[in-house]
C-alpha atoms as a PDB file:
ATOM      1  CA  MET A   1       0.133   0.047   0.154  1.00  0.00           C
ATOM      2  CA  ARG A   2       2.880   2.636   1.021  1.00  0.00           C
ATOM      3  CA  CYS A   3       4.583   1.110  -2.470  1.00  0.00           C
ATOM      4  CA  SER A   4       1.918   1.909  -4.692  1.00  0.00           C
ATOM      5  CA  SER A   5       0.881   5.513  -3.210  1.00  0.00           C
ATOM      6  CA  PHE A   6       4.583   6.604  -3.038  1.00  0.00           C
ATOM      7  CA  PRO A   7       4.669   7.561  -6.958  1.00  0.00           C
ATOM      8  CA  LEU A   8       1.812   9.605  -6.592  1.00  0.00           C
ATOM      9  CA  LEU A   9       2.955  11.525  -3.621  1.00  0.00           C
ATOM     10  CA  LEU A  10       6.185  12.388  -5.332  1.00  0.00           C
ATOM     11  CA  GLY A  11       3.827  13.535  -8.510  1.00  0.00           C
ATOM     12  CA  LEU A  12       2.441  16.028  -6.259  1.00  0.00           C
ATOM     13  CA  PHE A  13       5.481  17.085  -4.944  1.00  0.00           C
ATOM     14  CA  LEU A  14       7.330  18.016  -7.942  1.00  0.00           C
ATOM     15  CA  LEU A  15       3.970  19.779  -9.191  1.00  0.00           C
ATOM     16  CA  LEU A  16       3.639  21.696  -6.352  1.00  0.00           C
ATOM     17  CA  THR A  17       7.239  22.904  -5.686  1.00  0.00           C
ATOM     18  CA  PRO A  18       7.509  25.261  -8.753  1.00  0.00           C
ATOM     19  CA  PHE A  19       4.269  27.049  -7.505  1.00  0.00           C
ATOM     20  CA  THR A  20       5.417  27.577  -4.206  1.00  0.00           C
ATOM     21  CA  SER A  21       8.853  29.082  -5.306  1.00  0.00           C
ATOM     22  CA  THR A  22       7.312  31.400  -7.853  1.00  0.00           C
ATOM     23  CA  SER A  23       4.404  32.725  -4.899  1.00  0.00           C
ATOM     24  CA  VAL A  24       6.890  33.631  -2.429  1.00  0.00           C
ATOM     25  CA  ALA A  25       9.379  35.091  -4.870  1.00  0.00           C
ATOM     26  CA  SER A  26       6.163  37.751  -5.811  1.00  0.00           C
ATOM     27  CA  ALA A  27       5.294  37.849  -2.518  1.00  0.00           C
ATOM     28  CA  ASN A  28       8.839  38.914  -1.519  1.00  0.00           C
ATOM     29  CA  ALA A  29       9.275  41.355  -4.690  1.00  0.00           C
ATOM     30  CA  GLY A  30       7.862  44.600  -2.880  1.00  0.00           C
ATOM     31  CA  LEU A  31       9.778  44.159   0.560  1.00  0.00           C
ATOM     32  CA  PRO A  32      12.799  46.536   1.424  1.00  0.00           C
ATOM     33  CA  VAL A  33      16.017  44.362   0.792  1.00  0.00           C
ATOM     34  CA  ALA A  34      18.368  44.653   3.715  1.00  0.00           C
ATOM     35  CA  GLY A  35      21.003  47.128   3.208  1.00  0.00           C
ATOM     36  CA  ALA A  36      19.202  48.657   0.627  1.00  0.00           C
ATOM     37  CA  GLY A  37      18.177  52.154   0.167  1.00  0.00           C
ATOM     38  CA  ARG A  38      19.882  55.710   0.322  1.00  0.00           C
ATOM     39  CA  ASP A  39      23.084  55.887   2.635  1.00  0.00           C
ATOM     40  CA  SER A  40      22.900  58.360   5.624  1.00  0.00           C
ATOM     41  CA  LEU A  41      23.158  62.164   4.502  1.00  0.00           C
ATOM     42  CA  LYS A  42      26.659  63.343   5.850  1.00  0.00           C
ATOM     43  CA  ALA A  43      29.261  66.062   5.187  1.00  0.00           C
ATOM     44  CA  GLY A  44      30.588  66.240   1.542  1.00  0.00           C
ATOM     45  CA  MET A  45      28.014  65.043  -0.146  1.00  0.00           C
ATOM     46  CA  GLU A  46      25.309  67.520  -2.494  1.00  0.00           C
ATOM     47  CA  ALA A  47      22.030  68.349  -0.660  1.00  0.00           C
ATOM     48  CA  PRO A  48      19.236  67.029  -2.098  1.00  0.00           C
ATOM     49  CA  THR A  49      17.149  69.784  -4.025  1.00  0.00           C
ATOM     50  CA  PHE A  50      13.382  70.215  -2.926  1.00  0.00           C
ATOM     51  CA  VAL A  51      10.697  72.304  -2.958  1.00  0.00           C
ATOM     52  CA  MET A  52       8.339  72.724   0.078  1.00  0.00           C
ATOM     53  CA  ARG A  53       5.853  74.780   1.177  1.00  0.00           C
ATOM     54  CA  ASP A  54       6.010  77.738   3.751  1.00  0.00           C
ATOM     55  CA  LEU A  55       3.605  76.491   6.976  1.00  0.00           C
ATOM     56  CA  VAL A  56       2.368  79.934   7.548  1.00  0.00           C
ATOM     57  CA  SER A  57       2.064  81.508   3.914  1.00  0.00           C
ATOM     58  CA  ASP A  58       1.587  78.548   1.602  1.00  0.00           C
ATOM     59  CA  GLU A  59       4.045  79.658  -0.341  1.00  0.00           C
ATOM     60  CA  PRO A  60       6.461  77.374  -2.246  1.00  0.00           C
ATOM     61  CA  PHE A  61      10.326  77.493  -1.286  1.00  0.00           C
ATOM     62  CA  TYR A  62      12.852  76.056  -3.753  1.00  0.00           C
ATOM     63  CA  LEU A  63      16.543  75.274  -2.188  1.00  0.00           C
ATOM     64  CA  ARG A  64      17.960  76.100  -5.699  1.00  0.00           C
ATOM     65  CA  ASP A  65      16.402  79.778  -5.076  1.00  0.00           C
ATOM     66  CA  PHE A  66      19.614  80.181  -2.803  1.00  0.00           C
ATOM     67  CA  THR A  67      22.149  77.461  -2.976  1.00  0.00           C
ATOM     68  CA  GLY A  68      23.232  74.892  -5.662  1.00  0.00           C
ATOM     69  CA  LYS A  69      25.593  74.389  -8.423  1.00  0.00           C
ATOM     70  CA  VAL A  70      23.307  76.318 -10.720  1.00  0.00           C
ATOM     71  CA  LEU A  71      20.685  78.618  -9.115  1.00  0.00           C
ATOM     72  CA  ARG A  72      16.885  78.510 -10.157  1.00  0.00           C
ATOM     73  CA  GLU A  73      16.436  81.731 -12.196  1.00  0.00           C
ATOM     74  CA  ASN A  74      20.108  82.293 -12.436  1.00  0.00           C
ATOM     75  CA  TRP A  75      19.686  84.988 -14.796  1.00  0.00           C
ATOM     76  CA  LYS A  76      18.260  87.128 -12.013  1.00  0.00           C
ATOM     77  CA  LYS A  77      21.771  87.174 -10.371  1.00  0.00           C
ATOM     78  CA  LYS A  78      20.695  85.664  -7.361  1.00  0.00           C
ATOM     79  CA  GLU A  79      22.905  85.912  -4.602  1.00  0.00           C
ATOM     80  CA  ARG A  80      24.306  82.456  -3.352  1.00  0.00           C
ATOM     81  CA  HIS A  81      23.393  81.857   0.775  1.00  0.00           C
ATOM     82  CA  VAL A  82      24.679  79.496   3.256  1.00  0.00           C
ATOM     83  CA  VAL A  83      21.218  77.479   4.084  1.00  0.00           C
ATOM     84  CA  VAL A  84      20.529  75.897   7.448  1.00  0.00           C
ATOM     85  CA  LEU A  85      17.665  73.612   7.658  1.00  0.00           C
ATOM     86  CA  SER A  86      16.202  72.526  11.267  1.00  0.00           C
ATOM     87  CA  PHE A  87      13.954  69.251  11.200  1.00  0.00           C
ATOM     88  CA  TRP A  88      11.054  69.221  13.778  1.00  0.00           C
ATOM     89  CA  ALA A  89       7.828  68.462  15.284  1.00  0.00           C
ATOM     90  CA  THR A  90       5.349  69.472  17.495  1.00  0.00           C
ATOM     91  CA  TRP A  91       5.951  66.219  19.510  1.00  0.00           C
ATOM     92  CA  CYS A  92       9.888  66.764  19.549  1.00  0.00           C
ATOM     93  CA  GLN A  93      10.865  68.269  22.876  1.00  0.00           C
ATOM     94  CA  PRO A  94      14.451  68.733  22.363  1.00  0.00           C
ATOM     95  CA  CYS A  95      13.260  70.691  19.216  1.00  0.00           C
ATOM     96  CA  ARG A  96      11.907  73.328  21.760  1.00  0.00           C
ATOM     97  CA  ILE A  97      15.453  73.811  23.026  1.00  0.00           C
ATOM     98  CA  GLU A  98      17.207  74.078  19.901  1.00  0.00           C
ATOM     99  CA  ILE A  99      14.670  76.421  17.770  1.00  0.00           C
ATOM    100  CA  PRO A 100      15.132  79.506  20.078  1.00  0.00           C
ATOM    101  CA  ILE A 101      18.993  79.398  19.884  1.00  0.00           C
ATOM    102  CA  LEU A 102      18.654  79.012  16.213  1.00  0.00           C
ATOM    103  CA  THR A 103      16.286  82.080  15.860  1.00  0.00           C
ATOM    104  CA  LYS A 104      18.815  84.282  18.316  1.00  0.00           C
ATOM    105  CA  LEU A 105      21.728  82.738  15.550  1.00  0.00           C
ATOM    106  CA  ALA A 106      19.876  84.043  12.750  1.00  0.00           C
ATOM    107  CA  ALA A 107      19.615  87.548  14.174  1.00  0.00           C
ATOM    108  CA  GLU A 108      23.474  87.359  14.316  1.00  0.00           C
ATOM    109  CA  PHE A 109      23.505  86.878  10.968  1.00  0.00           C
ATOM    110  CA  LYS A 110      20.555  89.003   9.724  1.00  0.00           C
ATOM    111  CA  ASN A 111      22.516  91.052   7.498  1.00  0.00           C
ATOM    112  CA  LYS A 112      24.557  88.058   5.996  1.00  0.00           C
ATOM    113  CA  PRO A 113      23.728  85.870   2.943  1.00  0.00           C
ATOM    114  CA  VAL A 114      22.372  83.307   5.485  1.00  0.00           C
ATOM    115  CA  LYS A 115      18.872  81.396   5.697  1.00  0.00           C
ATOM    116  CA  PHE A 116      17.778  79.162   8.454  1.00  0.00           C
ATOM    117  CA  PHE A 117      14.821  77.218   8.067  1.00  0.00           C
ATOM    118  CA  LEU A 118      12.951  75.064   9.821  1.00  0.00           C
ATOM    119  CA  VAL A 119      11.409  71.915   8.282  1.00  0.00           C
ATOM    120  CA  ASN A 120       8.523  70.205   9.726  1.00  0.00           C
ATOM    121  CA  THR A 121       8.164  66.404   9.632  1.00  0.00           C
ATOM    122  CA  MET A 122       7.474  63.058  10.952  1.00  0.00           C
ATOM    123  CA  GLU A 123       4.234  64.839  12.318  1.00  0.00           C
ATOM    124  CA  GLU A 124       1.480  63.282  14.437  1.00  0.00           C
ATOM    125  CA  THR A 125      -1.046  65.629  13.902  1.00  0.00           C
ATOM    126  CA  THR A 126      -2.605  68.016  11.330  1.00  0.00           C
ATOM    127  CA  GLU A 127      -1.452  70.777   9.498  1.00  0.00           C
ATOM    128  CA  ASP A 128      -3.798  72.790  11.448  1.00  0.00           C
ATOM    129  CA  SER A 129      -2.784  71.811  14.561  1.00  0.00           C
ATOM    130  CA  VAL A 130       0.860  72.716  13.410  1.00  0.00           C
ATOM    131  CA  ARG A 131       0.652  75.836  12.731  1.00  0.00           C
ATOM    132  CA  ILE A 132      -1.103  76.672  15.826  1.00  0.00           C
ATOM    133  CA  ALA A 133       1.442  74.985  17.592  1.00  0.00           C
ATOM    134  CA  TYR A 134       4.175  77.100  15.853  1.00  0.00           C
ATOM    135  CA  LYS A 135       2.369  80.431  16.554  1.00  0.00           C
ATOM    136  CA  SER A 136       1.614  79.829  19.877  1.00  0.00           C
ATOM    137  CA  ARG A 137       5.476  78.962  20.870  1.00  0.00           C
ATOM    138  CA  GLY A 138       6.416  81.959  19.583  1.00  0.00           C
ATOM    139  CA  TYR A 139       8.777  80.846  16.549  1.00  0.00           C
ATOM    140  CA  THR A 140       9.653  83.300  14.152  1.00  0.00           C
ATOM    141  CA  LEU A 141      11.959  80.887  12.004  1.00  0.00           C
ATOM    142  CA  PRO A 142      10.320  80.419   8.625  1.00  0.00           C
ATOM    143  CA  SER A 143       8.916  76.931   8.579  1.00  0.00           C
ATOM    144  CA  LEU A 144       8.837  74.547   5.536  1.00  0.00           C
ATOM    145  CA  ILE A 145       6.490  71.607   5.685  1.00  0.00           C
ATOM    146  CA  ASP A 146       7.084  67.877   4.703  1.00  0.00           C
ATOM    147  CA  PRO A 147       3.459  66.634   5.226  1.00  0.00           C
ATOM    148  CA  SER A 148       4.018  63.202   3.183  1.00  0.00           C
ATOM    149  CA  ASN A 149       7.617  62.637   4.974  1.00  0.00           C
ATOM    150  CA  ARG A 150       8.885  62.422   1.284  1.00  0.00           C
ATOM    151  CA  TYR A 151      11.953  64.560   2.419  1.00  0.00           C
ATOM    152  CA  GLN A 152      12.413  62.763   5.587  1.00  0.00           C
ATOM    153  CA  SER A 153      13.309  60.253   3.639  1.00  0.00           C
ATOM    154  CA  VAL A 154      15.473  61.954   1.160  1.00  0.00           C
ATOM    155  CA  TYR A 155      17.453  63.899   4.034  1.00  0.00           C
ATOM    156  CA  THR A 156      17.391  60.342   6.072  1.00  0.00           C
ATOM    157  CA  VAL A 157      15.922  61.981   8.728  1.00  0.00           C
ATOM    158  CA  ARG A 158      15.738  59.098  11.395  1.00  0.00           C
ATOM    159  CA  GLY A 159      14.894  61.011  14.616  1.00  0.00           C
ATOM    160  CA  LEU A 160      14.606  64.557  15.576  1.00  0.00           C
ATOM    161  CA  PRO A 161      15.915  67.290  15.610  1.00  0.00           C
ATOM    162  CA  MET A 162      18.457  66.982  12.804  1.00  0.00           C
ATOM    163  CA  LEU A 163      20.519  70.111  11.764  1.00  0.00           C
ATOM    164  CA  VAL A 164      21.519  70.282   8.137  1.00  0.00           C
ATOM    165  CA  VAL A 165      23.937  73.059   6.762  1.00  0.00           C
ATOM    166  CA  VAL A 166      24.492  73.673   2.952  1.00  0.00           C
ATOM    167  CA  ASP A 167      26.753  75.962   1.644  1.00  0.00           C
ATOM    168  CA  LYS A 168      26.715  78.680  -1.037  1.00  0.00           C
ATOM    169  CA  PHE A 169      27.450  75.996  -3.666  1.00  0.00           C
ATOM    170  CA  GLY A 170      24.661  73.182  -2.671  1.00  0.00           C
ATOM    171  CA  MET A 171      27.217  70.658  -0.428  1.00  0.00           C
ATOM    172  CA  VAL A 172      26.566  69.476   2.778  1.00  0.00           C
ATOM    173  CA  ARG A 173      29.116  70.660   5.434  1.00  0.00           C
ATOM    174  CA  LYS A 174      27.236  69.487   8.725  1.00  0.00           C
ATOM    175  CA  VAL A 175      24.879  67.238   9.979  1.00  0.00           C
ATOM    176  CA  ASN A 176      23.959  67.198  13.493  1.00  0.00           C
ATOM    177  CA  ARG A 177      21.297  63.814  14.659  1.00  0.00           C
ATOM    178  CA  GLY A 178      19.824  65.036  17.561  1.00  0.00           C
ATOM    179  CA  TYR A 179      20.431  67.823  19.997  1.00  0.00           C
ATOM    180  CA  HIS A 180      23.966  68.694  20.575  1.00  0.00           C
ATOM    181  CA  GLU A 181      24.951  70.639  23.679  1.00  0.00           C
ATOM    182  CA  LYS A 182      26.404  74.186  22.750  1.00  0.00           C
ATOM    183  CA  PHE A 183      25.770  73.387  18.943  1.00  0.00           C
ATOM    184  CA  ASP A 184      25.590  77.183  18.317  1.00  0.00           C
ATOM    185  CA  ILE A 185      29.046  77.550  19.074  1.00  0.00           C
ATOM    186  CA  GLU A 186      30.519  75.519  16.733  1.00  0.00           C
ATOM    187  CA  LEU A 187      27.355  76.640  13.875  1.00  0.00           C
ATOM    188  CA  ARG A 188      28.439  80.300  14.589  1.00  0.00           C
ATOM    189  CA  ASP A 189      32.156  79.498  13.396  1.00  0.00           C
ATOM    190  CA  LEU A 190      31.128  77.452  10.609  1.00  0.00           C
ATOM    191  CA  ILE A 191      28.948  79.929   9.252  1.00  0.00           C
ATOM    192  CA  ALA A 192      31.404  82.561   9.434  1.00  0.00           C
ATOM    193  CA  GLU A 193      33.622  80.209   7.451  1.00  0.00           C
ATOM    194  CA  LEU A 194      31.489  79.131   4.706  1.00  0.00           C
ATOM    195  CA  LEU A 195      30.610  83.042   4.092  1.00  0.00           C
ATOM    196  CA  LYS A 196      33.901  83.614   3.456  1.00  0.00           C
ATOM    197  CA  GLU A 197      34.259  80.791   0.570  1.00  0.00           C
ATOM    198  CA  GLU A 198      34.080  81.947  -2.954  1.00  0.00           C
ATOM    199  CA  ALA A 199      34.253  78.777  -4.793  1.00  0.00           C
ATOM    200  CA  PRO A 200      32.632  75.122  -4.398  1.00  0.00           C
ATOM    201  CA  PRO A 201      35.288  73.309  -1.926  1.00  0.00           C
ATOM    202  CA  MET A 202      37.264  70.447  -3.634  1.00  0.00           C
ATOM    203  CA  THR A 203      35.768  67.226  -4.002  1.00  0.00           C
ATOM    204  CA  LYS A 204      37.851  63.827  -4.180  1.00  0.00           C
END
């Protein structure tokens, strides 16, 4: 009895095996692969370009209006700027410490070609609630908004706050992940140095 049923069982096994393998491959096709994806953003890399809306005015902001290898609408002879981006969210407690310090630093460079922008991302509430929190906390630095977390992914933001400094030629010169004590001392010196640069840094 066992001998006569063996060929039947073997045939069923061979018949089903290709189907099972194909199904598993198909099911895994859309899953992330270990080690895949963009490398972490770091100094020396070109800053990903973007356009985001201003949280208050709803006007678009183009990074390439201020920095990059080629400025947007460069025929207008726009001045190149150092750009400081601070990624934040309403739930982020360290952000509430960092933002006022950045506001004071921005005032020091008020008459210099430096732009400070907050970037709201990884949010857990509505855009209206973000706007209310922004105003009630007395924030005055312009805040861009990333409601779909698109640029959180592009800039490899994994935690908040995250600070990114971009030079006048679109290159990332500093990345702080998390809040750093006395970060403003180093940031002030870096901005002063970047303002002196008249050409892109040498890249290997």
